[in-house]
Amino acid sequence: MNKAIEAARPINEDPDLTFRVSKLILFGFHITVSETGSDVDIVCVTTPIKLPGESRKDFMDRDAAYAGLLGIPPTMMGIRSCQNLPIKHIQKTSPYFSVAGQMALDSLNDKGETSKIIFECLNKIFSKIA
């Protein structure tokens, strides 16, 4: 779990990324049982970071441009975005991590699954310093 938390920090410190990790939520039996070497189920909630006065279109253009610089391929809809980059980065940290996004969180909450927030970034406002 500490590896996932440590992987979130550099993502949130990158001034050019358009999405930050706002929460990492642990699900399943690892909340009450010690580490056993089996998969750790984590939901990574990302938050878009708009610059002051930035329109939705300008944000999407900036997001697509930075995703292009990072070599992120466009989706089937032709959209290029950094939205899933934090999730993929945390997933690569350990072969034991099973990392999902916001949609999985909604589904797990609907099922009444036990969860625990292990990381939360309360600063949702990010100002890029020129």
N, C-alpha and C. Protein backbone atom coordinates (compact mmCIF):
# COMPACT_ATOMS: atom_id res chain seq x y z
N MET A 1 0.81 -1.19 0.00
CA MET A 1 0.00 0.00 0.00
C MET A 1 0.86 1.25 0.00
N ASN A 2 1.97 1.20 0.72
CA ASN A 2 2.86 2.36 0.75
C ASN A 2 3.42 2.65 -0.64
N LYS A 3 3.65 1.61 -1.43
CA LYS A 3 4.14 1.81 -2.79
C LYS A 3 3.13 2.59 -3.62
N ALA A 4 1.87 2.31 -3.44
CA ALA A 4 0.82 3.03 -4.18
C ALA A 4 0.78 4.49 -3.76
N ILE A 5 0.90 4.73 -2.48
CA ILE A 5 0.90 6.11 -1.98
C ILE A 5 2.11 6.87 -2.52
N GLU A 6 3.27 6.23 -2.46
CA GLU A 6 4.49 6.88 -2.97
C GLU A 6 4.41 7.12 -4.47
N ALA A 7 3.73 6.26 -5.21
CA ALA A 7 3.58 6.44 -6.66
C ALA A 7 2.66 7.61 -6.98
N ALA A 8 1.73 7.92 -6.09
CA ALA A 8 0.79 9.03 -6.33
C ALA A 8 1.46 10.39 -6.15
N ARG A 9 2.43 10.47 -5.29
CA ARG A 9 3.04 11.77 -4.98
C ARG A 9 3.69 12.45 -6.19
N PRO A 10 4.56 11.77 -6.97
CA PRO A 10 5.16 12.47 -8.11
C PRO A 10 4.13 12.86 -9.18
N ILE A 11 3.07 12.10 -9.29
CA ILE A 11 2.01 12.46 -10.24
C ILE A 11 1.41 13.80 -9.83
N ASN A 12 1.14 13.95 -8.55
CA ASN A 12 0.53 15.17 -8.05
C ASN A 12 1.50 16.35 -8.04
N GLU A 13 2.79 16.08 -8.12
CA GLU A 13 3.79 17.16 -8.13
C GLU A 13 4.13 17.62 -9.54
N ASP A 14 3.71 16.90 -10.57
CA ASP A 14 4.01 17.27 -11.95
C ASP A 14 3.11 18.45 -12.35
N PRO A 15 3.69 19.64 -12.58
CA PRO A 15 2.86 20.81 -12.86
C PRO A 15 2.17 20.77 -14.23
N ASP A 16 2.60 19.88 -15.12
CA ASP A 16 2.00 19.83 -16.45
C ASP A 16 0.87 18.82 -16.58
N LEU A 17 0.81 17.83 -15.68
CA LEU A 17 -0.26 16.84 -15.78
C LEU A 17 -1.61 17.48 -15.51
N THR A 18 -2.59 17.07 -16.28
CA THR A 18 -3.92 17.66 -16.20
C THR A 18 -4.85 16.92 -15.23
N PHE A 19 -4.40 15.78 -14.72
CA PHE A 19 -5.19 15.03 -13.74
C PHE A 19 -4.30 14.67 -12.56
N ARG A 20 -4.84 14.75 -11.37
CA ARG A 20 -4.14 14.39 -10.15
C ARG A 20 -4.85 13.24 -9.47
N VAL A 21 -4.11 12.57 -8.61
CA VAL A 21 -4.72 11.54 -7.76
C VAL A 21 -5.34 12.26 -6.58
N SER A 22 -6.67 12.18 -6.48
CA SER A 22 -7.32 12.83 -5.34
C SER A 22 -7.52 11.84 -4.19
N LYS A 23 -7.71 10.56 -4.53
CA LYS A 23 -7.87 9.54 -3.47
C LYS A 23 -7.35 8.20 -3.96
N LEU A 24 -6.80 7.44 -3.03
CA LEU A 24 -6.54 6.02 -3.22
C LEU A 24 -7.36 5.30 -2.16
N ILE A 25 -8.17 4.36 -2.60
CA ILE A 25 -9.08 3.67 -1.69
C ILE A 25 -8.81 2.18 -1.76
N LEU A 26 -8.57 1.61 -0.60
CA LEU A 26 -8.31 0.17 -0.48
C LEU A 26 -9.63 -0.55 -0.29
N PHE A 27 -9.80 -1.66 -1.03
CA PHE A 27 -11.01 -2.47 -0.92
C PHE A 27 -10.65 -3.89 -0.56
N GLY A 28 -11.59 -4.57 0.04
CA GLY A 28 -11.45 -6.01 0.26
C GLY A 28 -10.86 -6.37 1.60
N PHE A 29 -10.36 -7.60 1.67
CA PHE A 29 -9.95 -8.15 2.95
C PHE A 29 -8.65 -7.57 3.48
N HIS A 30 -7.86 -6.86 2.67
CA HIS A 30 -6.61 -6.28 3.17
C HIS A 30 -6.84 -5.19 4.20
N ILE A 31 -8.07 -4.75 4.34
CA ILE A 31 -8.37 -3.73 5.34
C ILE A 31 -8.24 -4.32 6.74
N THR A 32 -8.58 -5.60 6.89
CA THR A 32 -8.56 -6.22 8.22
C THR A 32 -7.54 -7.35 8.35
N VAL A 33 -6.98 -7.81 7.25
CA VAL A 33 -6.04 -8.92 7.28
C VAL A 33 -4.66 -8.41 6.90
N SER A 34 -3.61 -8.94 7.51
CA SER A 34 -2.25 -8.50 7.19
C SER A 34 -1.86 -8.91 5.77
N GLU A 35 -0.79 -8.30 5.26
CA GLU A 35 -0.29 -8.60 3.90
C GLU A 35 -0.03 -10.09 3.75
N THR A 36 -0.50 -10.66 2.65
CA THR A 36 -0.30 -12.09 2.42
C THR A 36 0.39 -12.35 1.08
N GLY A 37 0.66 -11.28 0.32
CA GLY A 37 1.28 -11.47 -0.99
C GLY A 37 0.27 -11.65 -2.10
N SER A 38 -1.01 -11.58 -1.78
CA SER A 38 -2.03 -11.68 -2.82
C SER A 38 -2.36 -10.29 -3.33
N ASP A 39 -3.24 -10.23 -4.32
CA ASP A 39 -3.58 -8.94 -4.92
C ASP A 39 -4.16 -7.97 -3.91
N VAL A 40 -3.81 -6.70 -4.12
CA VAL A 40 -4.33 -5.61 -3.31
C VAL A 40 -5.22 -4.80 -4.24
N ASP A 41 -6.49 -4.68 -3.87
CA ASP A 41 -7.47 -3.97 -4.70
C ASP A 41 -7.52 -2.50 -4.30
N ILE A 42 -7.17 -1.62 -5.27
CA ILE A 42 -7.12 -0.20 -5.02
C ILE A 42 -7.95 0.53 -6.08
N VAL A 43 -8.69 1.51 -5.66
CA VAL A 43 -9.38 2.41 -6.59
C VAL A 43 -8.63 3.74 -6.54
N CYS A 44 -8.25 4.22 -7.71
CA CYS A 44 -7.56 5.50 -7.85
C CYS A 44 -8.55 6.50 -8.43
N VAL A 45 -8.90 7.50 -7.63
CA VAL A 45 -9.83 8.54 -8.08
C VAL A 45 -8.99 9.72 -8.56
N THR A 46 -9.20 10.13 -9.80
CA THR A 46 -8.46 11.26 -10.36
C THR A 46 -9.35 12.49 -10.45
N THR A 47 -8.72 13.64 -10.42
CA THR A 47 -9.43 14.92 -10.50
C THR A 47 -8.78 15.76 -11.59
N PRO A 48 -9.57 16.33 -12.50
CA PRO A 48 -8.99 17.22 -13.50
C PRO A 48 -8.53 18.52 -12.84
N ILE A 49 -7.40 19.04 -13.30
CA ILE A 49 -6.85 20.27 -12.75
C ILE A 49 -6.91 21.35 -13.83
N LYS A 50 -7.89 22.24 -13.67
CA LYS A 50 -8.05 23.34 -14.61
C LYS A 50 -7.27 24.55 -14.09
N LEU A 51 -6.65 25.26 -15.00
CA LEU A 51 -5.95 26.48 -14.64
C LEU A 51 -6.98 27.58 -14.38
N PRO A 52 -6.61 28.57 -13.58
CA PRO A 52 -7.56 29.67 -13.30
C PRO A 52 -8.06 30.30 -14.60
N GLY A 53 -9.38 30.41 -14.72
CA GLY A 53 -10.00 31.02 -15.89
C GLY A 53 -10.02 30.16 -17.14
N GLU A 54 -9.58 28.93 -17.04
CA GLU A 54 -9.51 28.04 -18.21
C GLU A 54 -10.90 27.47 -18.53
N SER A 55 -11.28 27.55 -19.79
CA SER A 55 -12.56 26.98 -20.21
C SER A 55 -12.43 25.47 -20.33
N ARG A 56 -13.55 24.79 -20.43
CA ARG A 56 -13.55 23.33 -20.59
C ARG A 56 -12.82 22.93 -21.88
N LYS A 57 -13.08 23.67 -22.97
CA LYS A 57 -12.43 23.39 -24.25
C LYS A 57 -10.92 23.60 -24.15
N ASP A 58 -10.51 24.70 -23.51
CA ASP A 58 -9.07 24.96 -23.36
C ASP A 58 -8.41 23.87 -22.52
N PHE A 59 -9.11 23.42 -21.47
CA PHE A 59 -8.58 22.32 -20.65
C PHE A 59 -8.40 21.06 -21.49
N MET A 60 -9.42 20.72 -22.26
CA MET A 60 -9.36 19.51 -23.08
C MET A 60 -8.25 19.61 -24.12
N ASP A 61 -8.04 20.79 -24.70
CA ASP A 61 -6.96 20.99 -25.66
C ASP A 61 -5.60 20.83 -24.98
N ARG A 62 -5.45 21.41 -23.79
CA ARG A 62 -4.19 21.30 -23.04
C ARG A 62 -3.93 19.85 -22.64
N ASP A 63 -4.97 19.17 -22.22
CA ASP A 63 -4.87 17.75 -21.84
C ASP A 63 -4.43 16.91 -23.04
N ALA A 64 -5.06 17.10 -24.17
CA ALA A 64 -4.73 16.34 -25.38
C ALA A 64 -3.31 16.63 -25.85
N ALA A 65 -2.90 17.90 -25.77
CA ALA A 65 -1.55 18.27 -26.20
C ALA A 65 -0.49 17.61 -25.31
N TYR A 66 -0.70 17.62 -24.00
CA TYR A 66 0.28 17.00 -23.09
C TYR A 66 0.28 15.49 -23.25
N ALA A 67 -0.89 14.91 -23.44
CA ALA A 67 -0.96 13.46 -23.68
C ALA A 67 -0.19 13.10 -24.95
N GLY A 68 -0.28 13.94 -25.97
CA GLY A 68 0.48 13.72 -27.20
C GLY A 68 1.97 13.78 -26.95
N LEU A 69 2.43 14.74 -26.15
CA LEU A 69 3.85 14.84 -25.81
C LEU A 69 4.34 13.61 -25.07
N LEU A 70 3.47 13.02 -24.25
CA LEU A 70 3.83 11.82 -23.50
C LEU A 70 3.70 10.55 -24.32
N GLY A 71 3.19 10.67 -25.54
CA GLY A 71 3.03 9.50 -26.40
C GLY A 71 1.82 8.65 -26.08
N ILE A 72 0.85 9.21 -25.40
CA ILE A 72 -0.37 8.47 -25.08
C ILE A 72 -1.20 8.38 -26.35
N PRO A 73 -1.54 7.17 -26.78
CA PRO A 73 -2.31 7.03 -28.02
C PRO A 73 -3.76 7.47 -27.83
N PRO A 74 -4.38 7.92 -28.91
CA PRO A 74 -5.79 8.30 -28.81
C PRO A 74 -6.67 7.08 -28.57
N THR A 75 -7.81 7.30 -27.95
CA THR A 75 -8.78 6.23 -27.75
C THR A 75 -9.49 5.94 -29.06
N MET A 76 -10.39 4.97 -29.03
CA MET A 76 -11.15 4.63 -30.23
C MET A 76 -11.98 5.82 -30.71
N MET A 77 -12.31 6.72 -29.81
CA MET A 77 -13.08 7.91 -30.18
C MET A 77 -12.18 9.01 -30.73
N GLY A 78 -10.87 8.76 -30.79
CA GLY A 78 -9.93 9.75 -31.30
C GLY A 78 -9.50 10.78 -30.27
N ILE A 79 -9.84 10.53 -29.01
CA ILE A 79 -9.50 11.48 -27.94
C ILE A 79 -8.20 11.04 -27.28
N ARG A 80 -7.34 11.98 -27.04
CA ARG A 80 -6.07 11.73 -26.35
C ARG A 80 -6.16 12.43 -25.00
N SER A 81 -5.92 11.71 -23.90
CA SER A 81 -6.07 12.30 -22.57
C SER A 81 -5.11 11.67 -21.57
N CYS A 82 -4.76 12.45 -20.55
CA CYS A 82 -3.91 11.98 -19.45
C CYS A 82 -4.74 11.40 -18.30
N GLN A 83 -6.05 11.29 -18.47
CA GLN A 83 -6.93 10.90 -17.37
C GLN A 83 -6.55 9.57 -16.73
N ASN A 84 -6.16 8.58 -17.50
CA ASN A 84 -5.84 7.26 -16.95
C ASN A 84 -4.36 7.09 -16.61
N LEU A 85 -3.56 8.10 -16.88
CA LEU A 85 -2.12 8.00 -16.61
C LEU A 85 -1.82 7.70 -15.13
N PRO A 86 -2.45 8.40 -14.17
CA PRO A 86 -2.17 8.06 -12.76
C PRO A 86 -2.51 6.61 -12.42
N ILE A 87 -3.62 6.11 -12.93
CA ILE A 87 -4.02 4.73 -12.66
C ILE A 87 -2.99 3.76 -13.20
N LYS A 88 -2.55 3.98 -14.44
CA LYS A 88 -1.56 3.09 -15.06
C LYS A 88 -0.22 3.17 -14.34
N HIS A 89 0.16 4.37 -13.90
CA HIS A 89 1.43 4.54 -13.20
C HIS A 89 1.43 3.76 -11.88
N ILE A 90 0.35 3.84 -11.14
CA ILE A 90 0.26 3.13 -9.86
C ILE A 90 0.19 1.62 -10.10
N GLN A 91 -0.51 1.19 -11.14
CA GLN A 91 -0.60 -0.24 -11.47
C GLN A 91 0.78 -0.84 -11.73
N LYS A 92 1.67 -0.08 -12.38
CA LYS A 92 3.01 -0.56 -12.71
C LYS A 92 3.92 -0.69 -11.49
N THR A 93 3.53 -0.08 -10.39
CA THR A 93 4.36 -0.06 -9.19
C THR A 93 4.54 -1.44 -8.58
N SER A 94 3.52 -2.28 -8.67
CA SER A 94 3.60 -3.61 -8.07
C SER A 94 2.72 -4.59 -8.86
N PRO A 95 3.24 -5.80 -9.09
CA PRO A 95 2.42 -6.80 -9.78
C PRO A 95 1.24 -7.27 -8.93
N TYR A 96 1.24 -6.92 -7.64
CA TYR A 96 0.16 -7.33 -6.74
C TYR A 96 -0.98 -6.32 -6.68
N PHE A 97 -0.79 -5.16 -7.32
CA PHE A 97 -1.84 -4.15 -7.30
C PHE A 97 -2.85 -4.40 -8.40
N SER A 98 -4.10 -4.32 -8.04
CA SER A 98 -5.20 -4.31 -8.99
C SER A 98 -5.83 -2.92 -8.85
N VAL A 99 -5.56 -2.05 -9.83
CA VAL A 99 -5.96 -0.65 -9.72
C VAL A 99 -7.08 -0.35 -10.71
N ALA A 100 -8.13 0.27 -10.22
CA ALA A 100 -9.27 0.63 -11.07
C ALA A 100 -9.60 2.11 -10.83
N GLY A 101 -10.52 2.62 -11.64
CA GLY A 101 -10.88 4.03 -11.55
C GLY A 101 -12.23 4.27 -10.90
N GLN A 102 -12.75 5.48 -11.10
CA GLN A 102 -13.97 5.95 -10.45
C GLN A 102 -15.18 5.04 -10.69
N MET A 103 -15.31 4.49 -11.90
CA MET A 103 -16.48 3.63 -12.18
C MET A 103 -16.48 2.40 -11.28
N ALA A 104 -15.30 1.85 -11.02
CA ALA A 104 -15.21 0.69 -10.12
C ALA A 104 -15.61 1.09 -8.70
N LEU A 105 -15.24 2.30 -8.30
CA LEU A 105 -15.60 2.77 -6.96
C LEU A 105 -17.11 2.82 -6.80
N ASP A 106 -17.80 3.37 -7.79
CA ASP A 106 -19.26 3.44 -7.74
C ASP A 106 -19.87 2.05 -7.63
N SER A 107 -19.37 1.10 -8.40
CA SER A 107 -19.88 -0.27 -8.39
C SER A 107 -19.64 -0.94 -7.04
N LEU A 108 -18.42 -0.79 -6.50
CA LEU A 108 -18.10 -1.40 -5.21
C LEU A 108 -18.93 -0.80 -4.09
N ASN A 109 -19.15 0.52 -4.14
CA ASN A 109 -19.99 1.17 -3.12
C ASN A 109 -21.43 0.66 -3.21
N ASP A 110 -21.93 0.46 -4.43
CA ASP A 110 -23.29 -0.06 -4.61
C ASP A 110 -23.43 -1.45 -4.00
N LYS A 111 -22.35 -2.22 -4.03
CA LYS A 111 -22.37 -3.59 -3.48
C LYS A 111 -22.13 -3.60 -1.98
N GLY A 112 -21.83 -2.45 -1.40
CA GLY A 112 -21.60 -2.38 0.04
C GLY A 112 -20.25 -2.93 0.46
N GLU A 113 -19.27 -2.91 -0.43
CA GLU A 113 -17.93 -3.42 -0.11
C GLU A 113 -17.26 -2.54 0.95
N THR A 114 -16.48 -3.15 1.81
CA THR A 114 -15.73 -2.43 2.82
C THR A 114 -14.57 -1.71 2.14
N SER A 115 -14.33 -0.46 2.54
CA SER A 115 -13.26 0.31 1.94
C SER A 115 -12.58 1.18 2.98
N LYS A 116 -11.37 1.63 2.63
CA LYS A 116 -10.61 2.52 3.51
C LYS A 116 -9.79 3.45 2.64
N ILE A 117 -9.90 4.75 2.87
CA ILE A 117 -9.08 5.72 2.14
C ILE A 117 -7.67 5.65 2.70
N ILE A 118 -6.68 5.40 1.82
CA ILE A 118 -5.29 5.31 2.27
C ILE A 118 -4.48 6.53 1.82
N PHE A 119 -5.04 7.34 0.92
CA PHE A 119 -4.38 8.57 0.46
C PHE A 119 -5.46 9.53 0.02
N GLU A 120 -5.32 10.78 0.42
CA GLU A 120 -6.27 11.79 -0.02
C GLU A 120 -5.55 13.11 -0.18
N CYS A 121 -5.69 13.68 -1.35
CA CYS A 121 -5.11 14.99 -1.65
C CYS A 121 -6.25 15.99 -1.57
N LEU A 122 -6.24 16.80 -0.55
CA LEU A 122 -7.33 17.74 -0.34
C LEU A 122 -7.18 19.00 -1.17
N ASN A 123 -5.98 19.26 -1.68
CA ASN A 123 -5.75 20.46 -2.47
C ASN A 123 -6.13 20.19 -3.91
N LYS A 124 -7.37 20.49 -4.28
CA LYS A 124 -7.85 20.24 -5.63
C LYS A 124 -7.57 21.41 -6.56
N ILE A 125 -7.13 22.54 -6.00
CA ILE A 125 -6.80 23.70 -6.82
C ILE A 125 -5.30 23.70 -7.05
N PHE A 126 -4.91 23.74 -8.31
CA PHE A 126 -3.50 23.71 -8.65
C PHE A 126 -3.21 24.89 -9.56
N SER A 127 -2.27 25.68 -9.17
CA SER A 127 -1.89 26.84 -9.98
C SER A 127 -0.52 26.57 -10.58
N LYS A 128 -0.46 26.59 -11.88
CA LYS A 128 0.80 26.41 -12.58
C LYS A 128 1.59 27.70 -12.47
N ILE A 129 2.80 27.59 -11.99
CA ILE A 129 3.65 28.77 -11.82
C ILE A 129 4.44 28.97 -13.10
N ALA A 130 4.29 30.17 -13.70
CA ALA A 130 4.97 30.46 -14.97
C ALA A 130 6.43 30.75 -14.75
